[in-house]
Amino acid sequence: MRKRNRRRKKKMPNFTLVMIVLAGAAGWYFNETLQGVGMGIVLYFVLLIAFKIWWKSRKTAKLRKSGIREVDVMSGQDFERFLGELFKRRGFKVRYTATSGDYGADLILKDGEDVIAVQAKRYSSSVGVKAVQEIIGAVKMYDATEAWVVTNSHFTKQAKKLADINDVYLIDRDELIDIILNK
C-alpha cells in the first residue's frame, strides 16, 4: 500500500503539469493570446479547487449517512473521521490528533469547559485493557476532564473493570448504534 501511494505521489506532479499545459493550450486555442492562456490556467485551478471541495463534501456526507454495517468495514482513520462528524452533530467541537504519536487519544472533544479525550477502536473482536490504558495516559497529556473509548465492537470484562476504576466512559457497539440513530 505504501509503495502504491509513493508511486501515485511521484506521478501527480507530472499529471498536474500536463493538465496546466493543456489548460493553457485550450486558452490559446480559443483566444490565441497570452491572456487566453492565463485564463485557461486560472479556469483549470478554479475547477480543480471546486472538484476537491465537492469530493470532500461527498466523503463527509457519506460518512454522516453511514450505518453500523458501513462502520464495520471502515479503516481506522475513516472510523475516527466518522466519529468526529457524529460528535460535531451532537454539538461538540472536535479536534483530531496526529495518526502516530497521539499519546492514546484519537479525538479531543470540547463541550463548554469539558475536554474529552476519545480513543476510537474499530475492531472485529472485543476491545481489551490496552485501549483503556492508552486513554488513561492521554487524559493528563491533553489536560482532559473525561476519557472515552468508542468501539464498533464490545469490551472485555477486564477492560470494563479497569474503565470503571478509572472513570473511563465506554461506548460499545449497542450504544454506538443508538448514537448513530439518534442524530
N, C-alpha and C. Protein backbone atom coordinates (compact mmCIF):
# COMPACT_ATOMS: atom_id res chain seq x y z
N MET A 1 0.82 -1.19 0.00
CA MET A 1 0.00 0.00 0.00
C MET A 1 0.86 1.26 0.00
N ARG A 2 1.92 1.28 0.83
CA ARG A 2 2.79 2.45 0.87
C ARG A 2 3.49 2.68 -0.46
N LYS A 3 3.96 1.58 -1.08
CA LYS A 3 4.65 1.72 -2.37
C LYS A 3 3.71 2.29 -3.42
N ARG A 4 2.45 1.83 -3.41
CA ARG A 4 1.48 2.31 -4.38
C ARG A 4 1.24 3.81 -4.18
N ASN A 5 1.13 4.26 -2.91
CA ASN A 5 0.94 5.67 -2.62
C ASN A 5 2.14 6.49 -3.05
N ARG A 6 3.35 5.97 -2.85
CA ARG A 6 4.55 6.70 -3.28
C ARG A 6 4.57 6.87 -4.78
N ARG A 7 4.20 5.81 -5.52
CA ARG A 7 4.17 5.91 -6.98
C ARG A 7 3.17 6.95 -7.42
N ARG A 8 2.00 6.99 -6.77
CA ARG A 8 0.98 7.98 -7.11
C ARG A 8 1.49 9.39 -6.88
N LYS A 9 2.20 9.60 -5.76
CA LYS A 9 2.72 10.92 -5.46
C LYS A 9 3.76 11.35 -6.48
N LYS A 10 4.57 10.42 -6.98
CA LYS A 10 5.57 10.77 -7.99
C LYS A 10 4.91 11.12 -9.31
N LYS A 11 3.81 10.45 -9.65
CA LYS A 11 3.14 10.71 -10.92
C LYS A 11 2.31 11.98 -10.87
N MET A 12 1.84 12.39 -9.69
CA MET A 12 0.96 13.54 -9.57
C MET A 12 1.56 14.83 -10.12
N PRO A 13 2.81 15.20 -9.79
CA PRO A 13 3.34 16.45 -10.34
C PRO A 13 3.36 16.44 -11.87
N ASN A 14 3.69 15.30 -12.47
CA ASN A 14 3.69 15.22 -13.93
C ASN A 14 2.28 15.40 -14.48
N PHE A 15 1.32 14.75 -13.87
CA PHE A 15 -0.08 14.87 -14.31
C PHE A 15 -0.56 16.31 -14.18
N THR A 16 -0.26 16.94 -13.05
CA THR A 16 -0.67 18.33 -12.83
C THR A 16 -0.04 19.25 -13.86
N LEU A 17 1.23 19.04 -14.12
CA LEU A 17 1.92 19.86 -15.11
C LEU A 17 1.30 19.69 -16.50
N VAL A 18 0.99 18.47 -16.87
CA VAL A 18 0.36 18.20 -18.17
C VAL A 18 -1.01 18.88 -18.23
N MET A 19 -1.77 18.83 -17.16
CA MET A 19 -3.09 19.45 -17.14
C MET A 19 -3.00 20.98 -17.27
N ILE A 20 -2.00 21.57 -16.61
CA ILE A 20 -1.80 23.02 -16.72
C ILE A 20 -1.45 23.40 -18.15
N VAL A 21 -0.56 22.62 -18.77
CA VAL A 21 -0.19 22.88 -20.17
C VAL A 21 -1.40 22.74 -21.08
N LEU A 22 -2.21 21.70 -20.84
CA LEU A 22 -3.42 21.52 -21.66
C LEU A 22 -4.42 22.67 -21.46
N ALA A 23 -4.56 23.12 -20.21
CA ALA A 23 -5.46 24.25 -19.95
C ALA A 23 -4.96 25.50 -20.66
N GLY A 24 -3.65 25.73 -20.61
CA GLY A 24 -3.07 26.87 -21.33
C GLY A 24 -3.25 26.74 -22.83
N ALA A 25 -3.07 25.52 -23.35
CA ALA A 25 -3.25 25.29 -24.79
C ALA A 25 -4.70 25.53 -25.20
N ALA A 26 -5.63 25.11 -24.35
CA ALA A 26 -7.06 25.35 -24.64
C ALA A 26 -7.35 26.84 -24.66
N GLY A 27 -6.77 27.57 -23.71
CA GLY A 27 -6.94 29.03 -23.69
C GLY A 27 -6.37 29.67 -24.94
N TRP A 28 -5.24 29.19 -25.38
CA TRP A 28 -4.63 29.70 -26.63
C TRP A 28 -5.51 29.38 -27.83
N TYR A 29 -6.05 28.17 -27.84
CA TYR A 29 -6.90 27.73 -28.96
C TYR A 29 -8.12 28.64 -29.12
N PHE A 30 -8.74 29.02 -28.00
CA PHE A 30 -9.96 29.82 -28.07
C PHE A 30 -9.69 31.31 -28.22
N ASN A 31 -8.59 31.85 -27.69
CA ASN A 31 -8.32 33.29 -27.73
C ASN A 31 -7.13 33.67 -28.59
N GLU A 32 -6.21 32.76 -28.78
CA GLU A 32 -4.96 33.00 -29.50
C GLU A 32 -4.18 34.18 -28.95
N THR A 33 -4.24 34.33 -27.60
CA THR A 33 -3.45 35.37 -26.91
C THR A 33 -2.87 34.77 -25.64
N LEU A 34 -1.88 35.47 -25.10
CA LEU A 34 -1.32 35.04 -23.82
C LEU A 34 -2.34 35.21 -22.70
N GLN A 35 -3.23 36.18 -22.87
CA GLN A 35 -4.29 36.36 -21.88
C GLN A 35 -5.21 35.13 -21.87
N GLY A 36 -5.48 34.58 -23.02
CA GLY A 36 -6.29 33.36 -23.11
C GLY A 36 -5.61 32.19 -22.43
N VAL A 37 -4.28 32.10 -22.59
CA VAL A 37 -3.52 31.03 -21.92
C VAL A 37 -3.66 31.18 -20.41
N GLY A 38 -3.49 32.40 -19.92
CA GLY A 38 -3.63 32.66 -18.49
C GLY A 38 -5.03 32.35 -17.99
N MET A 39 -6.04 32.72 -18.76
CA MET A 39 -7.42 32.45 -18.36
C MET A 39 -7.68 30.94 -18.33
N GLY A 40 -7.12 30.21 -19.28
CA GLY A 40 -7.27 28.75 -19.29
C GLY A 40 -6.66 28.11 -18.05
N ILE A 41 -5.48 28.59 -17.67
CA ILE A 41 -4.81 28.05 -16.48
C ILE A 41 -5.59 28.41 -15.22
N VAL A 42 -6.06 29.66 -15.12
CA VAL A 42 -6.85 30.07 -13.96
C VAL A 42 -8.13 29.25 -13.88
N LEU A 43 -8.78 29.05 -15.01
CA LEU A 43 -10.01 28.24 -15.03
C LEU A 43 -9.72 26.81 -14.57
N TYR A 44 -8.58 26.26 -14.98
CA TYR A 44 -8.20 24.92 -14.54
C TYR A 44 -8.11 24.86 -13.02
N PHE A 45 -7.44 25.84 -12.39
CA PHE A 45 -7.28 25.83 -10.94
C PHE A 45 -8.61 26.03 -10.22
N VAL A 46 -9.47 26.88 -10.77
CA VAL A 46 -10.80 27.08 -10.17
C VAL A 46 -11.59 25.78 -10.21
N LEU A 47 -11.57 25.10 -11.34
CA LEU A 47 -12.28 23.82 -11.45
C LEU A 47 -11.66 22.76 -10.55
N LEU A 48 -10.35 22.76 -10.43
CA LEU A 48 -9.67 21.80 -9.56
C LEU A 48 -10.07 22.01 -8.10
N ILE A 49 -10.09 23.26 -7.65
CA ILE A 49 -10.48 23.57 -6.27
C ILE A 49 -11.95 23.20 -6.05
N ALA A 50 -12.81 23.52 -7.00
CA ALA A 50 -14.22 23.18 -6.87
C ALA A 50 -14.41 21.67 -6.79
N PHE A 51 -13.66 20.93 -7.60
CA PHE A 51 -13.75 19.47 -7.57
C PHE A 51 -13.30 18.92 -6.22
N LYS A 52 -12.20 19.46 -5.68
CA LYS A 52 -11.71 18.98 -4.38
C LYS A 52 -12.71 19.27 -3.27
N ILE A 53 -13.34 20.43 -3.29
CA ILE A 53 -14.36 20.77 -2.29
C ILE A 53 -15.54 19.83 -2.43
N TRP A 54 -15.99 19.59 -3.66
CA TRP A 54 -17.11 18.68 -3.89
C TRP A 54 -16.77 17.27 -3.41
N TRP A 55 -15.57 16.81 -3.71
CA TRP A 55 -15.16 15.45 -3.33
C TRP A 55 -15.13 15.31 -1.81
N LYS A 56 -14.60 16.32 -1.11
CA LYS A 56 -14.53 16.26 0.34
C LYS A 56 -15.92 16.29 0.96
N SER A 57 -16.81 17.13 0.43
CA SER A 57 -18.17 17.19 0.97
C SER A 57 -18.92 15.90 0.69
N ARG A 58 -18.65 15.28 -0.44
CA ARG A 58 -19.27 13.99 -0.77
C ARG A 58 -18.82 12.92 0.22
N LYS A 59 -17.53 12.92 0.55
CA LYS A 59 -16.99 11.96 1.51
C LYS A 59 -17.58 12.19 2.90
N THR A 60 -17.67 13.46 3.29
CA THR A 60 -18.24 13.79 4.59
C THR A 60 -19.71 13.38 4.66
N ALA A 61 -20.47 13.63 3.59
CA ALA A 61 -21.88 13.24 3.56
C ALA A 61 -22.02 11.72 3.65
N LYS A 62 -21.13 11.01 2.99
CA LYS A 62 -21.16 9.55 3.03
C LYS A 62 -20.90 9.05 4.45
N LEU A 63 -19.92 9.67 5.12
CA LEU A 63 -19.62 9.28 6.50
C LEU A 63 -20.82 9.56 7.41
N ARG A 64 -21.50 10.67 7.18
CA ARG A 64 -22.65 11.01 8.01
C ARG A 64 -23.79 10.01 7.85
N LYS A 65 -23.98 9.51 6.66
CA LYS A 65 -25.07 8.58 6.39
C LYS A 65 -24.75 7.14 6.78
N SER A 66 -23.50 6.91 7.13
CA SER A 66 -23.07 5.54 7.43
C SER A 66 -23.85 4.94 8.58
N GLY A 67 -24.15 3.68 8.41
CA GLY A 67 -24.73 2.89 9.48
C GLY A 67 -23.66 2.00 10.06
N ILE A 68 -24.05 1.12 10.95
CA ILE A 68 -23.08 0.27 11.63
C ILE A 68 -22.41 -0.71 10.67
N ARG A 69 -23.12 -1.13 9.64
CA ARG A 69 -22.51 -2.06 8.67
C ARG A 69 -21.38 -1.39 7.91
N GLU A 70 -21.57 -0.13 7.57
CA GLU A 70 -20.50 0.61 6.90
C GLU A 70 -19.33 0.84 7.85
N VAL A 71 -19.66 1.09 9.13
CA VAL A 71 -18.62 1.29 10.14
C VAL A 71 -17.74 0.06 10.25
N ASP A 72 -18.36 -1.12 10.17
CA ASP A 72 -17.61 -2.37 10.32
C ASP A 72 -16.56 -2.59 9.25
N VAL A 73 -16.69 -1.95 8.11
CA VAL A 73 -15.71 -2.14 7.03
C VAL A 73 -14.82 -0.91 6.82
N MET A 74 -14.98 0.10 7.67
CA MET A 74 -14.15 1.31 7.55
C MET A 74 -12.73 1.03 8.02
N SER A 75 -11.82 1.85 7.55
CA SER A 75 -10.46 1.80 8.10
C SER A 75 -10.47 2.53 9.45
N GLY A 76 -9.40 2.41 10.18
CA GLY A 76 -9.31 3.09 11.47
C GLY A 76 -9.44 4.59 11.35
N GLN A 77 -8.78 5.17 10.34
CA GLN A 77 -8.84 6.63 10.13
C GLN A 77 -10.24 7.06 9.72
N ASP A 78 -10.89 6.29 8.85
CA ASP A 78 -12.26 6.62 8.47
C ASP A 78 -13.19 6.55 9.67
N PHE A 79 -12.97 5.59 10.56
CA PHE A 79 -13.78 5.49 11.77
C PHE A 79 -13.59 6.71 12.65
N GLU A 80 -12.36 7.18 12.78
CA GLU A 80 -12.11 8.39 13.56
C GLU A 80 -12.82 9.59 12.95
N ARG A 81 -12.76 9.74 11.63
CA ARG A 81 -13.46 10.86 10.96
C ARG A 81 -14.97 10.72 11.12
N PHE A 82 -15.47 9.49 11.03
CA PHE A 82 -16.90 9.23 11.22
C PHE A 82 -17.33 9.67 12.61
N LEU A 83 -16.56 9.28 13.62
CA LEU A 83 -16.89 9.69 14.98
C LEU A 83 -16.81 11.20 15.15
N GLY A 84 -15.82 11.81 14.50
CA GLY A 84 -15.70 13.27 14.55
C GLY A 84 -16.96 13.94 14.02
N GLU A 85 -17.45 13.47 12.88
CA GLU A 85 -18.68 14.03 12.29
C GLU A 85 -19.88 13.77 13.20
N LEU A 86 -19.93 12.58 13.77
CA LEU A 86 -21.03 12.21 14.67
C LEU A 86 -21.06 13.13 15.90
N PHE A 87 -19.89 13.37 16.49
CA PHE A 87 -19.83 14.23 17.67
C PHE A 87 -20.05 15.69 17.32
N LYS A 88 -19.63 16.12 16.14
CA LYS A 88 -19.91 17.50 15.71
C LYS A 88 -21.41 17.74 15.65
N ARG A 89 -22.14 16.77 15.10
CA ARG A 89 -23.60 16.90 15.02
C ARG A 89 -24.24 16.92 16.40
N ARG A 90 -23.57 16.39 17.38
CA ARG A 90 -24.11 16.38 18.75
C ARG A 90 -23.67 17.61 19.53
N GLY A 91 -23.00 18.56 18.85
CA GLY A 91 -22.66 19.84 19.47
C GLY A 91 -21.26 19.97 20.03
N PHE A 92 -20.43 18.98 19.85
CA PHE A 92 -19.06 19.06 20.35
C PHE A 92 -18.17 19.77 19.34
N LYS A 93 -17.14 20.44 19.83
CA LYS A 93 -16.07 20.93 18.97
C LYS A 93 -15.04 19.80 18.91
N VAL A 94 -14.65 19.41 17.71
CA VAL A 94 -13.81 18.23 17.53
C VAL A 94 -12.44 18.63 17.01
N ARG A 95 -11.40 18.05 17.62
CA ARG A 95 -10.03 18.22 17.14
C ARG A 95 -9.44 16.84 16.98
N TYR A 96 -8.83 16.59 15.83
CA TYR A 96 -8.20 15.30 15.55
C TYR A 96 -6.74 15.37 15.96
N THR A 97 -6.25 14.28 16.56
CA THR A 97 -4.84 14.22 16.92
C THR A 97 -4.07 13.61 15.75
N ALA A 98 -2.75 13.64 15.84
CA ALA A 98 -1.91 13.05 14.80
C ALA A 98 -2.14 11.53 14.77
N THR A 99 -1.97 10.94 13.59
CA THR A 99 -2.21 9.50 13.47
C THR A 99 -1.17 8.68 14.22
N SER A 100 0.04 9.20 14.33
CA SER A 100 1.05 8.50 15.14
C SER A 100 1.54 9.45 16.21
N GLY A 101 1.88 8.91 17.35
CA GLY A 101 2.33 9.74 18.46
C GLY A 101 1.20 10.55 19.06
N ASP A 102 0.00 9.95 19.12
CA ASP A 102 -1.17 10.68 19.62
C ASP A 102 -1.36 10.54 21.13
N TYR A 103 -0.46 9.83 21.80
CA TYR A 103 -0.49 9.64 23.25
C TYR A 103 -1.76 8.95 23.73
N GLY A 104 -2.42 8.21 22.86
CA GLY A 104 -3.57 7.42 23.26
C GLY A 104 -4.92 8.01 22.96
N ALA A 105 -4.98 9.22 22.46
CA ALA A 105 -6.27 9.83 22.12
C ALA A 105 -6.34 10.07 20.62
N ASP A 106 -7.46 9.75 20.02
CA ASP A 106 -7.65 9.97 18.58
C ASP A 106 -8.42 11.26 18.33
N LEU A 107 -9.32 11.61 19.24
CA LEU A 107 -10.13 12.83 19.12
C LEU A 107 -10.10 13.58 20.44
N ILE A 108 -10.15 14.88 20.37
CA ILE A 108 -10.33 15.71 21.55
C ILE A 108 -11.62 16.49 21.34
N LEU A 109 -12.58 16.27 22.23
CA LEU A 109 -13.88 16.92 22.15
C LEU A 109 -13.96 18.02 23.18
N LYS A 110 -14.58 19.13 22.80
CA LYS A 110 -14.80 20.22 23.75
C LYS A 110 -16.29 20.50 23.80
N ASP A 111 -16.79 20.59 25.03
CA ASP A 111 -18.19 20.90 25.27
C ASP A 111 -18.22 21.87 26.44
N GLY A 112 -18.21 23.15 26.14
CA GLY A 112 -18.11 24.15 27.20
C GLY A 112 -16.73 24.09 27.80
N GLU A 113 -16.68 23.82 29.12
CA GLU A 113 -15.38 23.73 29.78
C GLU A 113 -14.85 22.30 29.83
N ASP A 114 -15.68 21.34 29.46
CA ASP A 114 -15.26 19.94 29.47
C ASP A 114 -14.37 19.63 28.26
N VAL A 115 -13.29 18.94 28.53
CA VAL A 115 -12.41 18.44 27.48
C VAL A 115 -12.42 16.92 27.58
N ILE A 116 -12.77 16.27 26.48
CA ILE A 116 -12.92 14.82 26.48
C ILE A 116 -11.91 14.20 25.52
N ALA A 117 -11.08 13.32 26.04
CA ALA A 117 -10.13 12.57 25.21
C ALA A 117 -10.83 11.28 24.77
N VAL A 118 -10.83 11.02 23.46
CA VAL A 118 -11.54 9.86 22.92
C VAL A 118 -10.56 8.94 22.19
N GLN A 119 -10.62 7.67 22.54
CA GLN A 119 -9.86 6.62 21.84
C GLN A 119 -10.86 5.87 20.97
N ALA A 120 -10.63 5.83 19.66
CA ALA A 120 -11.51 5.15 18.73
C ALA A 120 -10.90 3.80 18.35
N LYS A 121 -11.69 2.74 18.52
CA LYS A 121 -11.22 1.39 18.20
C LYS A 121 -12.23 0.70 17.30
N ARG A 122 -11.90 0.60 16.01
CA ARG A 122 -12.76 -0.13 15.09
C ARG A 122 -12.19 -1.54 14.99
N TYR A 123 -12.79 -2.45 15.73
CA TYR A 123 -12.31 -3.82 15.84
C TYR A 123 -13.38 -4.80 15.37
N SER A 124 -12.93 -5.98 14.97
CA SER A 124 -13.87 -7.05 14.66
C SER A 124 -13.99 -7.99 15.86
N SER A 125 -13.09 -7.86 16.84
CA SER A 125 -13.17 -8.67 18.06
C SER A 125 -13.32 -7.72 19.25
N SER A 126 -13.37 -8.27 20.44
CA SER A 126 -13.56 -7.46 21.65
C SER A 126 -12.34 -6.57 21.92
N VAL A 127 -12.61 -5.40 22.47
CA VAL A 127 -11.57 -4.43 22.82
C VAL A 127 -11.10 -4.73 24.24
N GLY A 128 -9.79 -4.81 24.42
CA GLY A 128 -9.22 -5.19 25.71
C GLY A 128 -8.73 -4.03 26.54
N VAL A 129 -7.96 -4.38 27.55
CA VAL A 129 -7.46 -3.45 28.55
C VAL A 129 -6.55 -2.38 27.94
N LYS A 130 -5.81 -2.73 26.91
CA LYS A 130 -4.82 -1.81 26.33
C LYS A 130 -5.45 -0.49 25.90
N ALA A 131 -6.64 -0.54 25.30
CA ALA A 131 -7.31 0.69 24.86
C ALA A 131 -7.65 1.58 26.04
N VAL A 132 -8.08 0.99 27.13
CA VAL A 132 -8.40 1.76 28.33
C VAL A 132 -7.13 2.35 28.94
N GLN A 133 -6.05 1.58 28.96
CA GLN A 133 -4.78 2.07 29.49
C GLN A 133 -4.28 3.26 28.66
N GLU A 134 -4.42 3.17 27.34
CA GLU A 134 -3.96 4.26 26.47
C GLU A 134 -4.72 5.55 26.74
N ILE A 135 -6.03 5.46 26.90
CA ILE A 135 -6.82 6.68 27.10
C ILE A 135 -6.58 7.27 28.49
N ILE A 136 -6.28 6.42 29.47
CA ILE A 136 -5.96 6.91 30.81
C ILE A 136 -4.69 7.77 30.75
N GLY A 137 -3.71 7.33 29.97
CA GLY A 137 -2.49 8.11 29.79
C GLY A 137 -2.73 9.41 29.04
N ALA A 138 -3.70 9.41 28.15
CA ALA A 138 -3.97 10.60 27.33
C ALA A 138 -4.66 11.70 28.12
N VAL A 139 -5.34 11.34 29.20
CA VAL A 139 -6.09 12.34 29.98
C VAL A 139 -5.17 13.45 30.46
N LYS A 140 -4.04 13.10 31.05
CA LYS A 140 -3.11 14.12 31.55
C LYS A 140 -2.41 14.84 30.40
N MET A 141 -2.09 14.11 29.36
CA MET A 141 -1.39 14.71 28.22
C MET A 141 -2.20 15.83 27.58
N TYR A 142 -3.50 15.62 27.44
CA TYR A 142 -4.37 16.61 26.79
C TYR A 142 -5.16 17.45 27.79
N ASP A 143 -4.82 17.32 29.09
CA ASP A 143 -5.49 18.07 30.15
C ASP A 143 -7.01 17.90 30.06
N ALA A 144 -7.43 16.64 29.86
CA ALA A 144 -8.84 16.32 29.67
C ALA A 144 -9.54 16.13 31.01
N THR A 145 -10.84 16.41 31.00
CA THR A 145 -11.66 16.21 32.20
C THR A 145 -12.36 14.86 32.17
N GLU A 146 -12.47 14.27 30.96
CA GLU A 146 -13.10 12.96 30.81
C GLU A 146 -12.32 12.14 29.79
N ALA A 147 -12.53 10.81 29.87
CA ALA A 147 -11.90 9.90 28.92
C ALA A 147 -12.96 8.92 28.41
N TRP A 148 -13.01 8.74 27.09
CA TRP A 148 -13.96 7.82 26.47
C TRP A 148 -13.20 6.87 25.55
N VAL A 149 -13.71 5.64 25.47
CA VAL A 149 -13.25 4.69 24.45
C VAL A 149 -14.49 4.29 23.67
N VAL A 150 -14.44 4.46 22.36
CA VAL A 150 -15.58 4.16 21.49
C VAL A 150 -15.18 3.04 20.54
N THR A 151 -16.05 2.04 20.42
CA THR A 151 -15.77 0.93 19.52
C THR A 151 -17.04 0.50 18.78
N ASN A 152 -16.84 -0.17 17.68
CA ASN A 152 -17.95 -0.78 16.94
C ASN A 152 -18.16 -2.22 17.42
N SER A 153 -17.41 -2.63 18.42
CA SER A 153 -17.45 -3.99 18.95
C SER A 153 -17.90 -3.94 20.41
N HIS A 154 -17.39 -4.85 21.20
CA HIS A 154 -17.70 -4.91 22.63
C HIS A 154 -16.41 -4.90 23.42
N PHE A 155 -16.50 -4.75 24.74
CA PHE A 155 -15.33 -4.70 25.61
C PHE A 155 -15.20 -5.98 26.42
N THR A 156 -13.97 -6.33 26.74
CA THR A 156 -13.73 -7.49 27.60
C THR A 156 -14.10 -7.11 29.05
N LYS A 157 -14.27 -8.11 29.88
CA LYS A 157 -14.59 -7.86 31.30
C LYS A 157 -13.47 -7.07 31.98
N GLN A 158 -12.22 -7.41 31.64
CA GLN A 158 -11.08 -6.73 32.24
C GLN A 158 -11.07 -5.25 31.85
N ALA A 159 -11.39 -4.96 30.59
CA ALA A 159 -11.43 -3.57 30.13
C ALA A 159 -12.53 -2.80 30.86
N LYS A 160 -13.70 -3.44 31.04
CA LYS A 160 -14.80 -2.80 31.76
C LYS A 160 -14.41 -2.51 33.21
N LYS A 161 -13.72 -3.45 33.83
CA LYS A 161 -13.31 -3.28 35.23
C LYS A 161 -12.32 -2.13 35.37
N LEU A 162 -11.29 -2.10 34.50
CA LEU A 162 -10.30 -1.04 34.54
C LEU A 162 -10.94 0.32 34.25
N ALA A 163 -11.87 0.35 33.30
CA ALA A 163 -12.56 1.60 32.97
C ALA A 163 -13.39 2.08 34.15
N ASP A 164 -14.05 1.17 34.83
CA ASP A 164 -14.88 1.52 35.99
C ASP A 164 -14.02 2.13 37.10
N ILE A 165 -12.88 1.54 37.37
CA ILE A 165 -11.98 2.02 38.42
C ILE A 165 -11.44 3.41 38.09
N ASN A 166 -11.18 3.68 36.80
CA ASN A 166 -10.54 4.93 36.38
C ASN A 166 -11.51 5.94 35.78
N ASP A 167 -12.81 5.73 35.93
CA ASP A 167 -13.83 6.64 35.41
C ASP A 167 -13.70 6.89 33.91
N VAL A 168 -13.45 5.84 33.16
CA VAL A 168 -13.40 5.93 31.70
C VAL A 168 -14.76 5.49 31.17
N TYR A 169 -15.36 6.31 30.32
CA TYR A 169 -16.67 6.01 29.76
C TYR A 169 -16.49 5.14 28.51
N LEU A 170 -17.13 3.98 28.50
CA LEU A 170 -17.02 3.04 27.38
C LEU A 170 -18.29 3.10 26.52
N ILE A 171 -18.10 3.29 25.22
CA ILE A 171 -19.21 3.27 24.28
C ILE A 171 -19.01 2.06 23.39
N ASP A 172 -19.86 1.05 23.57
CA ASP A 172 -19.72 -0.18 22.78
C ASP A 172 -20.65 -0.14 21.57
N ARG A 173 -20.73 -1.24 20.87
CA ARG A 173 -21.49 -1.35 19.63
C ARG A 173 -22.95 -0.92 19.81
N ASP A 174 -23.59 -1.41 20.86
CA ASP A 174 -25.01 -1.12 21.07
C ASP A 174 -25.25 0.38 21.30
N GLU A 175 -24.41 0.99 22.12
CA GLU A 175 -24.57 2.42 22.38
C GLU A 175 -24.20 3.24 21.15
N LEU A 176 -23.20 2.80 20.38
CA LEU A 176 -22.83 3.49 19.16
C LEU A 176 -23.99 3.48 18.16
N ILE A 177 -24.69 2.36 18.06
CA ILE A 177 -25.86 2.28 17.17
C ILE A 177 -26.92 3.28 17.64
N ASP A 178 -27.15 3.35 18.95
CA ASP A 178 -28.11 4.32 19.48
C ASP A 178 -27.70 5.75 19.14
N ILE A 179 -26.42 6.06 19.27
CA ILE A 179 -25.93 7.42 18.95
C ILE A 179 -26.14 7.71 17.47
N ILE A 180 -25.83 6.74 16.61
CA ILE A 180 -26.00 6.93 15.17
C ILE A 180 -27.46 7.18 14.82
N LEU A 181 -28.35 6.41 15.43
CA LEU A 181 -29.78 6.52 15.12
C LEU A 181 -30.41 7.78 15.71
N ASN A 182 -29.90 8.26 16.81
CA ASN A 182 -30.44 9.48 17.45
C ASN A 182 -29.65 10.69 17.01
N LYS A 183 -29.66 10.94 15.73
CA LYS A 183 -28.91 12.06 15.17
C LYS A 183 -29.40 13.36 15.75
